[in-house]
Amino acid sequence: MGYTVEINIYADQTQPPSLILSGIPWYAGMTALQAMIIGEALNTKNFAFRVEYRSIYGAQIDSIDGLSDGDQPNHYWLLFVDGKESLVGASEAIIKEDPSKRSSLVEWKYTDMSAQAAVSLPLKTRPL
């Protein structure tokens, strides 16, 4: 099998991932949003997410399996690619192949932002 992408979704960061999508075939130029779409199509479980477009930052995923940004006070879905918080939306976050490993990791973390300042929070909360 060629290079793949794994997506881990954390609705509660104190728990193991609530959903793991593995074995998503990677291709050059693939974005986190494209990986989510392919992962959803390949997943046998009922799984849904919502995309919101926010101008130059690209598409943001603001709801996963019915849990939306702001459902809990100051909680937002944040995107991480290979352990680094994304500075752009899911449609602009390109997943790069790393020859030293067999796959890349995309993580969605439902994060309480009241005690920290995430790099990507202004992308999700800035008025349109």
N, C-alpha and C. Protein backbone atom coordinates (compact mmCIF):
# COMPACT_ATOMS: atom_id res chain seq x y z
N MET A 1 0.84 -1.19 0.00
CA MET A 1 0.00 0.00 0.00
C MET A 1 0.88 1.24 0.00
N GLY A 2 0.47 2.26 -0.73
CA GLY A 2 1.22 3.50 -0.80
C GLY A 2 1.03 4.36 0.43
N TYR A 3 1.46 5.58 0.33
CA TYR A 3 1.35 6.54 1.43
C TYR A 3 -0.13 6.79 1.73
N THR A 4 -0.47 6.88 3.01
CA THR A 4 -1.87 7.06 3.42
C THR A 4 -2.00 8.21 4.41
N VAL A 5 -3.25 8.55 4.69
CA VAL A 5 -3.59 9.57 5.68
C VAL A 5 -4.47 8.92 6.73
N GLU A 6 -4.24 9.26 7.98
CA GLU A 6 -5.13 8.84 9.08
C GLU A 6 -5.73 10.09 9.68
N ILE A 7 -7.03 10.03 9.98
CA ILE A 7 -7.73 11.14 10.62
C ILE A 7 -8.21 10.68 11.98
N ASN A 8 -7.84 11.42 13.02
CA ASN A 8 -8.31 11.15 14.37
C ASN A 8 -9.18 12.33 14.81
N ILE A 9 -10.34 12.02 15.34
CA ILE A 9 -11.27 13.04 15.78
C ILE A 9 -11.45 12.92 17.29
N TYR A 10 -11.19 14.02 17.99
CA TYR A 10 -11.28 14.06 19.45
C TYR A 10 -12.41 14.99 19.87
N ALA A 11 -13.56 14.44 20.19
CA ALA A 11 -14.65 15.25 20.72
C ALA A 11 -14.35 15.66 22.16
N ASP A 12 -13.54 14.84 22.85
CA ASP A 12 -13.11 15.11 24.22
C ASP A 12 -11.63 14.72 24.29
N GLN A 13 -10.76 15.71 24.46
CA GLN A 13 -9.33 15.43 24.41
C GLN A 13 -8.80 14.63 25.59
N THR A 14 -9.61 14.44 26.62
CA THR A 14 -9.18 13.61 27.74
C THR A 14 -9.45 12.14 27.46
N GLN A 15 -10.10 11.85 26.34
CA GLN A 15 -10.45 10.48 25.95
C GLN A 15 -9.72 10.11 24.65
N PRO A 16 -9.67 8.81 24.36
CA PRO A 16 -9.13 8.40 23.05
C PRO A 16 -9.98 8.99 21.94
N PRO A 17 -9.49 8.98 20.71
CA PRO A 17 -10.28 9.54 19.61
C PRO A 17 -11.68 8.92 19.54
N SER A 18 -12.67 9.77 19.30
CA SER A 18 -14.05 9.27 19.16
C SER A 18 -14.24 8.61 17.80
N LEU A 19 -13.35 8.92 16.86
CA LEU A 19 -13.41 8.30 15.54
C LEU A 19 -12.02 8.30 14.93
N ILE A 20 -11.63 7.18 14.34
CA ILE A 20 -10.36 7.07 13.62
C ILE A 20 -10.67 6.61 12.21
N LEU A 21 -10.22 7.39 11.24
CA LEU A 21 -10.36 7.03 9.83
C LEU A 21 -8.96 6.74 9.32
N SER A 22 -8.68 5.49 9.00
CA SER A 22 -7.33 5.14 8.57
C SER A 22 -7.35 4.57 7.15
N GLY A 23 -6.17 4.50 6.56
CA GLY A 23 -6.04 3.92 5.23
C GLY A 23 -6.57 4.79 4.10
N ILE A 24 -6.66 6.10 4.34
CA ILE A 24 -7.12 7.01 3.29
C ILE A 24 -5.98 7.19 2.29
N PRO A 25 -6.19 6.84 1.03
CA PRO A 25 -5.10 6.97 0.06
C PRO A 25 -4.71 8.43 -0.16
N TRP A 26 -3.42 8.70 -0.03
CA TRP A 26 -2.89 10.05 -0.20
C TRP A 26 -2.56 10.28 -1.67
N TYR A 27 -2.67 11.53 -2.12
CA TYR A 27 -2.18 11.92 -3.44
C TYR A 27 -1.59 13.32 -3.35
N ALA A 28 -0.71 13.64 -4.26
CA ALA A 28 -0.01 14.93 -4.25
C ALA A 28 -1.02 16.07 -4.30
N GLY A 29 -0.85 17.04 -3.41
CA GLY A 29 -1.72 18.20 -3.36
C GLY A 29 -2.98 18.00 -2.53
N MET A 30 -3.14 16.83 -1.91
CA MET A 30 -4.33 16.55 -1.11
C MET A 30 -4.43 17.51 0.07
N THR A 31 -5.64 18.02 0.32
CA THR A 31 -5.88 18.90 1.45
C THR A 31 -6.57 18.13 2.58
N ALA A 32 -6.60 18.73 3.75
CA ALA A 32 -7.30 18.10 4.88
C ALA A 32 -8.78 17.93 4.57
N LEU A 33 -9.38 18.88 3.86
CA LEU A 33 -10.79 18.76 3.49
C LEU A 33 -11.00 17.58 2.53
N GLN A 34 -10.14 17.42 1.55
CA GLN A 34 -10.25 16.29 0.63
C GLN A 34 -10.08 14.97 1.36
N ALA A 35 -9.16 14.92 2.32
CA ALA A 35 -8.98 13.71 3.12
C ALA A 35 -10.26 13.40 3.92
N MET A 36 -10.90 14.43 4.45
CA MET A 36 -12.15 14.23 5.19
C MET A 36 -13.24 13.68 4.27
N ILE A 37 -13.35 14.22 3.07
CA ILE A 37 -14.37 13.77 2.13
C ILE A 37 -14.13 12.31 1.74
N ILE A 38 -12.88 11.98 1.42
CA ILE A 38 -12.56 10.59 1.05
C ILE A 38 -12.74 9.67 2.26
N GLY A 39 -12.29 10.13 3.43
CA GLY A 39 -12.44 9.33 4.64
C GLY A 39 -13.90 9.05 4.96
N GLU A 40 -14.74 10.05 4.78
CA GLU A 40 -16.18 9.87 5.02
C GLU A 40 -16.75 8.85 4.04
N ALA A 41 -16.34 8.93 2.78
CA ALA A 41 -16.85 8.00 1.76
C ALA A 41 -16.40 6.56 2.02
N LEU A 42 -15.19 6.39 2.56
CA LEU A 42 -14.66 5.05 2.81
C LEU A 42 -15.08 4.47 4.16
N ASN A 43 -15.61 5.30 5.04
CA ASN A 43 -15.96 4.87 6.39
C ASN A 43 -17.29 4.14 6.40
N THR A 44 -17.34 3.01 7.05
CA THR A 44 -18.58 2.23 7.11
C THR A 44 -19.54 2.72 8.19
N LYS A 45 -19.04 3.52 9.14
CA LYS A 45 -19.90 4.07 10.19
C LYS A 45 -20.61 5.33 9.69
N ASN A 46 -21.72 5.65 10.31
CA ASN A 46 -22.41 6.89 10.00
C ASN A 46 -21.57 8.03 10.56
N PHE A 47 -21.16 8.95 9.71
CA PHE A 47 -20.23 10.00 10.08
C PHE A 47 -20.56 11.23 9.24
N ALA A 48 -20.59 12.40 9.86
CA ALA A 48 -20.94 13.61 9.12
C ALA A 48 -20.11 14.79 9.61
N PHE A 49 -19.89 15.74 8.72
CA PHE A 49 -19.24 16.99 9.11
C PHE A 49 -19.80 18.10 8.24
N ARG A 50 -19.67 19.34 8.75
CA ARG A 50 -20.19 20.51 8.04
C ARG A 50 -19.04 21.46 7.71
N VAL A 51 -19.10 22.01 6.51
CA VAL A 51 -18.05 22.91 6.04
C VAL A 51 -18.61 24.32 5.94
N GLU A 52 -17.82 25.28 6.40
CA GLU A 52 -18.17 26.69 6.32
C GLU A 52 -17.03 27.41 5.61
N TYR A 53 -17.35 28.18 4.60
CA TYR A 53 -16.31 28.91 3.86
C TYR A 53 -16.14 30.30 4.46
N ARG A 54 -14.88 30.67 4.73
CA ARG A 54 -14.58 31.94 5.38
C ARG A 54 -13.52 32.69 4.59
N SER A 55 -13.88 33.22 3.46
CA SER A 55 -13.05 34.06 2.58
C SER A 55 -11.65 33.49 2.35
N ILE A 56 -10.63 34.29 2.55
CA ILE A 56 -9.27 33.91 2.18
C ILE A 56 -8.71 32.75 2.98
N TYR A 57 -9.31 32.44 4.11
CA TYR A 57 -8.78 31.35 4.94
C TYR A 57 -9.20 29.98 4.44
N GLY A 58 -10.13 29.95 3.52
CA GLY A 58 -10.60 28.67 3.01
C GLY A 58 -11.67 28.07 3.89
N ALA A 59 -12.07 26.88 3.54
CA ALA A 59 -13.15 26.19 4.25
C ALA A 59 -12.72 25.79 5.66
N GLN A 60 -13.61 26.01 6.60
CA GLN A 60 -13.42 25.58 7.98
C GLN A 60 -14.44 24.47 8.26
N ILE A 61 -14.04 23.46 8.96
CA ILE A 61 -15.01 22.46 9.42
C ILE A 61 -15.46 22.92 10.79
N ASP A 62 -16.76 23.19 10.90
CA ASP A 62 -17.28 23.75 12.15
C ASP A 62 -18.22 22.81 12.88
N SER A 63 -18.41 21.60 12.36
CA SER A 63 -19.26 20.62 13.03
C SER A 63 -18.84 19.22 12.59
N ILE A 64 -18.67 18.34 13.56
CA ILE A 64 -18.34 16.94 13.29
C ILE A 64 -19.27 16.08 14.13
N ASP A 65 -19.98 15.20 13.44
CA ASP A 65 -20.95 14.30 14.09
C ASP A 65 -21.89 15.03 15.04
N GLY A 66 -22.37 16.20 14.60
CA GLY A 66 -23.37 16.94 15.36
C GLY A 66 -22.83 17.83 16.46
N LEU A 67 -21.52 17.79 16.71
CA LEU A 67 -20.90 18.65 17.72
C LEU A 67 -20.31 19.85 16.99
N SER A 68 -20.87 21.03 17.26
CA SER A 68 -20.50 22.23 16.49
C SER A 68 -19.68 23.21 17.31
N ASP A 69 -18.94 24.06 16.57
CA ASP A 69 -18.24 25.17 17.23
C ASP A 69 -19.24 25.92 18.09
N GLY A 70 -18.86 26.19 19.34
CA GLY A 70 -19.70 26.99 20.23
C GLY A 70 -20.82 26.23 20.92
N ASP A 71 -21.01 24.93 20.64
CA ASP A 71 -22.04 24.17 21.37
C ASP A 71 -21.76 24.20 22.87
N GLN A 72 -20.50 24.12 23.23
CA GLN A 72 -20.07 24.33 24.60
C GLN A 72 -19.35 25.68 24.60
N PRO A 73 -19.50 26.48 25.63
CA PRO A 73 -18.89 27.82 25.62
C PRO A 73 -17.39 27.78 25.29
N ASN A 74 -16.99 28.60 24.35
CA ASN A 74 -15.59 28.77 23.95
C ASN A 74 -14.93 27.50 23.41
N HIS A 75 -15.69 26.57 22.88
CA HIS A 75 -15.14 25.35 22.29
C HIS A 75 -15.24 25.43 20.77
N TYR A 76 -14.13 25.05 20.12
CA TYR A 76 -14.05 25.09 18.66
C TYR A 76 -13.29 23.87 18.16
N TRP A 77 -13.61 23.44 16.93
CA TRP A 77 -12.86 22.38 16.27
C TRP A 77 -11.58 22.99 15.70
N LEU A 78 -10.44 22.48 16.14
CA LEU A 78 -9.16 22.94 15.62
C LEU A 78 -8.52 21.83 14.81
N LEU A 79 -7.85 22.21 13.75
CA LEU A 79 -7.21 21.28 12.83
C LEU A 79 -5.71 21.22 13.08
N PHE A 80 -5.20 20.00 13.14
CA PHE A 80 -3.76 19.75 13.27
C PHE A 80 -3.34 18.80 12.16
N VAL A 81 -2.23 19.10 11.52
CA VAL A 81 -1.68 18.22 10.49
C VAL A 81 -0.27 17.83 10.93
N ASP A 82 -0.08 16.54 11.11
CA ASP A 82 1.20 15.99 11.59
C ASP A 82 1.67 16.70 12.86
N GLY A 83 0.73 16.93 13.78
CA GLY A 83 1.06 17.47 15.09
C GLY A 83 1.14 18.98 15.18
N LYS A 84 0.96 19.68 14.06
CA LYS A 84 1.05 21.14 14.08
C LYS A 84 -0.31 21.76 13.79
N GLU A 85 -0.67 22.76 14.59
CA GLU A 85 -1.94 23.45 14.36
C GLU A 85 -1.91 24.14 13.01
N SER A 86 -2.97 23.97 12.24
CA SER A 86 -3.04 24.57 10.91
C SER A 86 -3.29 26.07 11.01
N LEU A 87 -2.62 26.81 10.15
CA LEU A 87 -2.80 28.25 10.09
C LEU A 87 -3.82 28.66 9.04
N VAL A 88 -4.36 27.68 8.32
CA VAL A 88 -5.34 27.92 7.26
C VAL A 88 -6.51 26.96 7.43
N GLY A 89 -7.55 27.18 6.66
CA GLY A 89 -8.71 26.31 6.70
C GLY A 89 -8.42 24.95 6.11
N ALA A 90 -9.35 24.04 6.29
CA ALA A 90 -9.18 22.65 5.84
C ALA A 90 -9.00 22.55 4.33
N SER A 91 -9.59 23.46 3.58
CA SER A 91 -9.47 23.41 2.12
C SER A 91 -8.12 23.91 1.63
N GLU A 92 -7.35 24.54 2.50
CA GLU A 92 -6.05 25.08 2.12
C GLU A 92 -4.89 24.36 2.79
N ALA A 93 -5.17 23.49 3.76
CA ALA A 93 -4.12 22.77 4.50
C ALA A 93 -3.69 21.55 3.69
N ILE A 94 -2.58 21.69 3.00
CA ILE A 94 -2.08 20.61 2.14
C ILE A 94 -1.32 19.60 2.99
N ILE A 95 -1.64 18.34 2.77
CA ILE A 95 -0.98 17.24 3.48
C ILE A 95 0.22 16.81 2.64
N LYS A 96 1.40 16.95 3.21
CA LYS A 96 2.62 16.64 2.47
C LYS A 96 3.11 15.24 2.80
N GLU A 97 3.63 14.58 1.78
CA GLU A 97 4.21 13.26 1.97
C GLU A 97 5.54 13.40 2.71
N ASP A 98 5.76 12.52 3.67
CA ASP A 98 7.02 12.48 4.41
C ASP A 98 7.66 11.12 4.15
N PRO A 99 8.74 11.08 3.38
CA PRO A 99 9.35 9.80 3.02
C PRO A 99 9.86 8.99 4.22
N SER A 100 10.00 9.62 5.38
CA SER A 100 10.51 8.90 6.55
C SER A 100 9.42 8.10 7.27
N LYS A 101 8.17 8.20 6.81
CA LYS A 101 7.09 7.44 7.43
C LYS A 101 6.09 7.00 6.37
N ARG A 102 5.11 6.21 6.77
CA ARG A 102 4.16 5.61 5.83
C ARG A 102 2.83 6.35 5.72
N SER A 103 2.61 7.31 6.65
CA SER A 103 1.34 8.04 6.60
C SER A 103 1.46 9.39 7.27
N SER A 104 0.49 10.24 6.99
CA SER A 104 0.37 11.54 7.66
C SER A 104 -0.84 11.49 8.58
N LEU A 105 -0.82 12.32 9.61
CA LEU A 105 -1.89 12.34 10.60
C LEU A 105 -2.61 13.68 10.57
N VAL A 106 -3.93 13.62 10.39
CA VAL A 106 -4.79 14.79 10.49
C VAL A 106 -5.62 14.61 11.76
N GLU A 107 -5.64 15.62 12.60
CA GLU A 107 -6.40 15.54 13.85
C GLU A 107 -7.36 16.71 13.95
N TRP A 108 -8.56 16.39 14.41
CA TRP A 108 -9.57 17.41 14.74
C TRP A 108 -9.80 17.32 16.23
N LYS A 109 -9.59 18.44 16.93
CA LYS A 109 -9.72 18.46 18.39
C LYS A 109 -10.73 19.53 18.79
N TYR A 110 -11.77 19.08 19.49
CA TYR A 110 -12.76 20.01 20.02
C TYR A 110 -12.15 20.62 21.27
N THR A 111 -11.77 21.90 21.17
CA THR A 111 -10.87 22.51 22.14
C THR A 111 -11.53 23.67 22.88
N ASP A 112 -11.34 23.69 24.20
CA ASP A 112 -11.79 24.81 25.03
C ASP A 112 -10.77 25.93 24.88
N MET A 113 -11.19 27.03 24.30
CA MET A 113 -10.29 28.13 24.01
C MET A 113 -10.31 29.22 25.09
N SER A 114 -11.03 29.02 26.18
CA SER A 114 -11.13 30.06 27.20
C SER A 114 -9.82 30.28 27.94
N ALA A 115 -8.94 29.28 27.98
CA ALA A 115 -7.70 29.42 28.73
C ALA A 115 -6.47 29.51 27.83
N GLN A 116 -6.66 29.50 26.53
CA GLN A 116 -5.50 29.55 25.63
C GLN A 116 -5.83 30.33 24.37
N ALA A 117 -4.81 30.71 23.68
CA ALA A 117 -4.99 31.42 22.42
C ALA A 117 -4.42 30.58 21.29
N ALA A 118 -5.28 29.88 20.60
CA ALA A 118 -4.84 29.08 19.47
C ALA A 118 -4.54 29.98 18.29
N VAL A 119 -3.60 29.57 17.49
CA VAL A 119 -3.21 30.34 16.31
C VAL A 119 -4.39 30.47 15.36
N SER A 120 -5.17 29.40 15.22
CA SER A 120 -6.23 29.40 14.21
C SER A 120 -7.56 29.95 14.70
N LEU A 121 -7.71 30.24 15.96
CA LEU A 121 -9.00 30.72 16.47
C LEU A 121 -9.51 31.96 15.74
N PRO A 122 -8.69 32.97 15.46
CA PRO A 122 -9.21 34.13 14.73
C PRO A 122 -9.78 33.77 13.36
N LEU A 123 -9.29 32.70 12.75
CA LEU A 123 -9.80 32.27 11.45
C LEU A 123 -11.25 31.82 11.56
N LYS A 124 -11.60 31.26 12.70
CA LYS A 124 -12.93 30.69 12.88
C LYS A 124 -13.91 31.69 13.48
N THR A 125 -13.40 32.70 14.17
CA THR A 125 -14.30 33.58 14.91
C THR A 125 -14.41 34.99 14.33
N ARG A 126 -13.58 35.33 13.38
CA ARG A 126 -13.62 36.68 12.79
C ARG A 126 -14.93 36.85 12.03
N PRO A 127 -15.63 37.97 12.24
CA PRO A 127 -16.89 38.21 11.49
C PRO A 127 -16.63 38.26 9.99
N LEU A 128 -17.60 37.79 9.25
CA LEU A 128 -17.47 37.83 7.79
C LEU A 128 -17.78 39.20 7.25
